[in-house]
Amino acid sequence: MHKIIVFLGPSLERETAEKILAAEYHPPARRGDLLAAAEKGATVIGLIDGVFHQESAVAHREILTAIKKGVRVVGASSMGALRAVEMDTLGMVGIGAIYRMYKSGELESDDEVALVFDPLSGLALSEPLINIRFTLKRAVEEHIIDTAVYDALLSSARSLFYPRRTYRAIVSAAGDAVDEETRERFLRWVTDSAVDQKREDAVAALEYIRKIAGENLEQ
């Protein structure tokens, strides 16, 4: 019987996660949490969200220790994607578009997935840069903005410290590079059409874990 432990925070709401995968869910991982999970008998660990900047992040050595114990460690979306890129040659499994973009070198900085969130509700209070990238790309595809505005808004987003990144703040910081009509059109559109790639990758990781757990149970 599998014991599945998943570290999850603002990337995906717990209620949805539990409908996808029956698992023991924990808040974003801190240093030592994966080692503790392995010692508790986890056979599969899903690392999606983890702390960094404000606290000590999950260490590479504890991931390697878990893998050596025979634990399947799957990473995606946020801290999980970062660690999977660094540890996939040693047995960690990376899932999702964000993992692949880091793996290819298209993304490099931790800043791409950083955000601030309410520790009680788990709700995100800022927008991660990677989601902004995907949202701006969709806005161009749907003719909400042109490529010049895409460049201006992405540059604006990158200039802001990650806790300050909201779509309204990004548009405001772009200044005269974006005309007023385009600003208002984009802000109306983004309310219902923003892309949450971190969420999509978290869902993909849980579906992957459900699949491998099911396959192993059938053997």
Protein backbone atom coordinates (compact mmCIF):
# COMPACT_ATOMS: atom_id res chain seq x y z
CA MET A 1 0.00 0.00 0.00
CA HIS A 2 1.33 3.40 -0.94
CA LYS A 3 1.85 6.21 1.53
CA ILE A 4 1.75 9.41 -0.53
CA ILE A 5 2.80 12.73 0.98
CA VAL A 6 2.38 15.96 -0.99
CA PHE A 7 3.73 19.39 -0.10
CA LEU A 8 1.25 21.90 -1.47
CA GLY A 9 0.51 25.59 -1.00
CA PRO A 10 -0.70 28.41 -3.25
CA SER A 11 -0.12 26.55 -6.52
CA LEU A 12 -3.36 24.60 -6.10
CA GLU A 13 -6.23 24.71 -3.65
CA ARG A 14 -6.37 21.72 -1.30
CA GLU A 15 -10.00 20.89 -2.09
CA THR A 16 -9.22 20.35 -5.78
CA ALA A 17 -6.03 18.45 -4.98
CA GLU A 18 -7.89 15.99 -2.77
CA LYS A 19 -10.36 15.26 -5.56
CA ILE A 20 -7.48 14.37 -7.89
CA LEU A 21 -5.30 12.38 -5.51
CA ALA A 22 -5.89 10.76 -2.13
CA ALA A 23 -2.77 11.72 -0.20
CA GLU A 24 -1.46 13.19 3.03
CA TYR A 25 -1.15 16.91 2.29
CA HIS A 26 1.30 19.21 4.03
CA PRO A 27 2.02 22.97 3.71
CA PRO A 28 4.91 24.21 1.54
CA ALA A 29 8.03 22.22 2.35
CA ARG A 30 10.80 23.55 4.56
CA ARG A 31 14.27 22.13 5.00
CA GLY A 32 14.04 18.73 6.61
CA ASP A 33 10.41 18.09 5.67
CA LEU A 34 11.17 15.62 2.87
CA LEU A 35 13.57 13.71 5.07
CA ALA A 36 10.89 13.53 7.76
CA ALA A 37 8.35 12.33 5.19
CA ALA A 38 10.68 9.54 4.08
CA GLU A 39 11.26 8.52 7.71
CA LYS A 40 7.47 8.41 8.23
CA GLY A 41 7.27 5.74 5.55
CA ALA A 42 6.32 7.74 2.46
CA THR A 43 6.63 5.70 -0.72
CA VAL A 44 5.82 8.68 -2.98
CA ILE A 45 6.54 12.33 -2.23
CA GLY A 46 5.06 15.12 -4.32
CA LEU A 47 7.01 18.36 -3.99
CA ILE A 48 4.99 21.20 -5.46
CA ASP A 49 5.35 24.21 -3.15
CA GLY A 50 8.21 25.00 -0.82
CA VAL A 51 9.51 27.98 1.09
CA PHE A 52 12.52 29.99 0.00
CA HIS A 53 13.92 33.47 0.62
CA GLN A 54 12.21 33.77 4.02
CA GLU A 55 13.19 30.32 5.38
CA SER A 56 15.59 27.49 4.61
CA ALA A 57 14.52 25.66 1.45
CA VAL A 58 14.36 21.93 0.86
CA ALA A 59 17.91 20.62 0.61
CA HIS A 60 19.21 18.53 -2.27
CA ARG A 61 20.73 16.04 0.16
CA GLU A 62 17.37 15.19 1.76
CA ILE A 63 15.83 14.56 -1.67
CA LEU A 64 18.73 12.27 -2.53
CA THR A 65 18.37 10.47 0.81
CA ALA A 66 14.67 9.88 0.13
CA ILE A 67 15.42 8.56 -3.35
CA LYS A 68 18.06 6.19 -1.96
CA LYS A 69 15.44 4.86 0.46
CA GLY A 70 13.33 3.92 -2.57
CA VAL A 71 10.90 6.84 -2.36
CA ARG A 72 9.53 8.15 -5.67
CA VAL A 73 10.00 11.93 -5.52
CA VAL A 74 7.99 13.98 -8.03
CA GLY A 75 8.43 17.73 -8.49
CA ALA A 76 6.44 20.35 -10.37
CA SER A 77 5.12 23.89 -10.53
CA SER A 78 7.23 25.83 -8.05
CA MET A 79 9.98 24.64 -5.70
CA GLY A 80 9.25 21.17 -7.03
CA ALA A 81 10.15 22.22 -10.56
CA LEU A 82 13.34 23.92 -9.41
CA ARG A 83 14.55 20.91 -7.46
CA ALA A 84 13.53 18.44 -10.18
CA VAL A 85 15.74 20.20 -12.72
CA GLU A 86 18.68 19.89 -10.34
CA MET A 87 17.94 16.32 -9.26
CA ASP A 88 16.34 14.56 -12.23
CA THR A 89 19.60 12.84 -13.22
CA LEU A 90 19.64 11.33 -9.71
CA GLY A 91 16.13 9.94 -9.84
CA MET A 92 13.71 12.77 -9.11
CA VAL A 93 10.88 13.10 -11.65
CA GLY A 94 9.97 16.52 -13.07
CA ILE A 95 6.50 17.20 -14.45
CA GLY A 96 4.98 20.10 -16.39
CA ALA A 97 5.77 23.06 -18.60
CA ILE A 98 7.61 25.05 -15.92
CA TYR A 99 9.96 22.15 -15.20
CA ARG A 100 10.63 21.75 -18.92
CA MET A 101 11.33 25.47 -19.35
CA TYR A 102 13.87 25.45 -16.53
CA LYS A 103 15.39 22.25 -17.91
CA SER A 104 15.84 23.78 -21.36
CA GLY A 105 17.38 26.96 -19.97
CA GLU A 106 14.49 29.14 -21.12
CA LEU A 107 13.99 30.02 -17.45
CA GLU A 108 16.85 30.47 -15.02
CA SER A 109 15.88 32.53 -11.98
CA ASP A 110 13.93 31.34 -8.90
CA ASP A 111 12.18 34.69 -9.21
CA GLU A 112 10.00 33.24 -11.99
CA VAL A 113 7.96 31.16 -9.54
CA ALA A 114 8.23 33.34 -6.43
CA LEU A 115 5.15 34.87 -4.84
CA VAL A 116 3.77 35.84 -1.45
CA PHE A 117 0.75 34.10 0.05
CA ASP A 118 -1.49 34.23 3.09
CA PRO A 119 -0.14 31.55 5.46
CA LEU A 120 -3.61 30.92 6.91
CA SER A 121 -5.69 30.61 3.74
CA GLY A 122 -2.86 29.65 1.38
CA LEU A 123 -4.15 32.16 -1.17
CA ALA A 124 -1.61 33.89 -3.39
CA LEU A 125 -1.23 37.62 -2.76
CA SER A 126 0.99 38.32 -5.76
CA GLU A 127 1.35 36.93 -9.27
CA PRO A 128 4.37 34.77 -10.15
CA LEU A 129 6.32 35.95 -13.17
CA ILE A 130 5.92 32.63 -14.97
CA ASN A 131 2.12 32.99 -14.89
CA ILE A 132 2.47 36.55 -16.18
CA ARG A 133 4.54 35.29 -19.12
CA PHE A 134 1.89 32.75 -20.12
CA THR A 135 -0.90 35.27 -19.62
CA LEU A 136 0.74 37.91 -21.79
CA LYS A 137 1.37 35.32 -24.50
CA ARG A 138 -2.31 34.37 -24.50
CA ALA A 139 -3.28 38.06 -24.58
CA VAL A 140 -1.26 38.48 -27.79
CA GLU A 141 -2.80 35.33 -29.30
CA GLU A 142 -6.28 36.66 -28.55
CA HIS A 143 -5.41 40.12 -29.94
CA ILE A 144 -5.90 41.86 -26.61
CA ILE A 145 -2.40 43.36 -26.83
CA ASP A 146 0.28 43.51 -29.50
CA THR A 147 3.88 42.36 -29.22
CA ALA A 148 5.13 45.83 -28.29
CA VAL A 149 2.75 45.93 -25.33
CA TYR A 150 3.74 42.37 -24.45
CA ASP A 151 7.37 43.49 -24.22
CA ALA A 152 6.46 46.59 -22.19
CA LEU A 153 4.33 44.69 -19.68
CA LEU A 154 6.82 41.86 -19.29
CA SER A 155 9.61 44.37 -18.72
CA SER A 156 7.41 46.14 -16.18
CA ALA A 157 6.69 42.87 -14.37
CA ARG A 158 10.36 41.96 -14.22
CA SER A 159 11.22 45.37 -12.77
CA LEU A 160 8.93 44.86 -9.77
CA PHE A 161 10.02 42.98 -6.65
CA TYR A 162 8.05 39.71 -6.65
CA PRO A 163 5.72 40.54 -3.69
CA ARG A 164 4.48 43.60 -5.61
CA ARG A 165 3.54 41.80 -8.81
CA THR A 166 -0.15 42.13 -9.55
CA TYR A 167 -1.59 42.83 -12.97
CA ARG A 168 -2.76 46.28 -11.96
CA ALA A 169 0.67 47.14 -10.54
CA ILE A 170 2.36 45.87 -13.69
CA VAL A 171 0.15 47.98 -15.94
CA SER A 172 0.70 51.02 -13.74
CA ALA A 173 4.48 50.57 -13.71
CA ALA A 174 4.53 50.35 -17.52
CA GLY A 175 3.52 54.02 -17.65
CA ASP A 176 3.24 55.67 -21.04
CA ALA A 177 4.55 52.57 -22.81
CA VAL A 178 0.94 51.31 -22.81
CA ASP A 179 -1.90 53.60 -23.85
CA GLU A 180 -4.92 54.00 -21.60
CA GLU A 181 -7.35 52.14 -23.86
CA THR A 182 -5.06 49.12 -24.07
CA ARG A 183 -4.49 49.18 -20.32
CA GLU A 184 -8.20 49.06 -19.57
CA ARG A 185 -8.88 46.40 -22.21
CA PHE A 186 -6.12 44.19 -20.82
CA LEU A 187 -7.21 44.61 -17.18
CA ARG A 188 -10.81 43.72 -18.07
CA TRP A 189 -9.66 40.68 -20.02
CA VAL A 190 -7.18 39.41 -17.43
CA THR A 191 -9.83 39.23 -14.71
CA ASP A 192 -11.27 36.05 -16.25
CA SER A 193 -8.59 34.97 -18.71
CA ALA A 194 -5.28 34.98 -16.82
CA VAL A 195 -3.24 31.79 -17.21
CA ASP A 196 -2.26 29.94 -14.03
CA GLN A 197 0.51 27.69 -15.30
CA LYS A 198 1.65 26.80 -11.81
CA ARG A 199 -1.81 25.43 -11.08
CA GLU A 200 -1.88 23.47 -14.34
CA ASP A 201 1.48 21.89 -13.56
CA ALA A 202 0.43 21.04 -10.01
CA VAL A 203 -2.64 19.24 -11.37
CA ALA A 204 -0.45 17.36 -13.87
CA ALA A 205 1.88 16.24 -11.08
CA LEU A 206 -0.96 14.90 -8.95
CA GLU A 207 -2.42 13.07 -11.94
CA TYR A 208 1.01 11.56 -12.63
CA ILE A 209 1.35 10.39 -9.02
CA ARG A 210 -2.15 8.88 -9.12
CA LYS A 211 -1.19 7.01 -12.28
CA ILE A 212 2.10 5.57 -11.01
CA ALA A 213 0.54 4.64 -7.67
CA GLY A 214 -2.25 2.82 -9.50
CA GLU A 215 0.18 1.01 -11.80
CA ASN A 216 2.28 -0.19 -8.88
CA LEU A 217 -0.78 -1.43 -7.00
CA GLU A 218 -1.81 -3.52 -10.02
CA GLN A 219 1.55 -5.26 -10.30
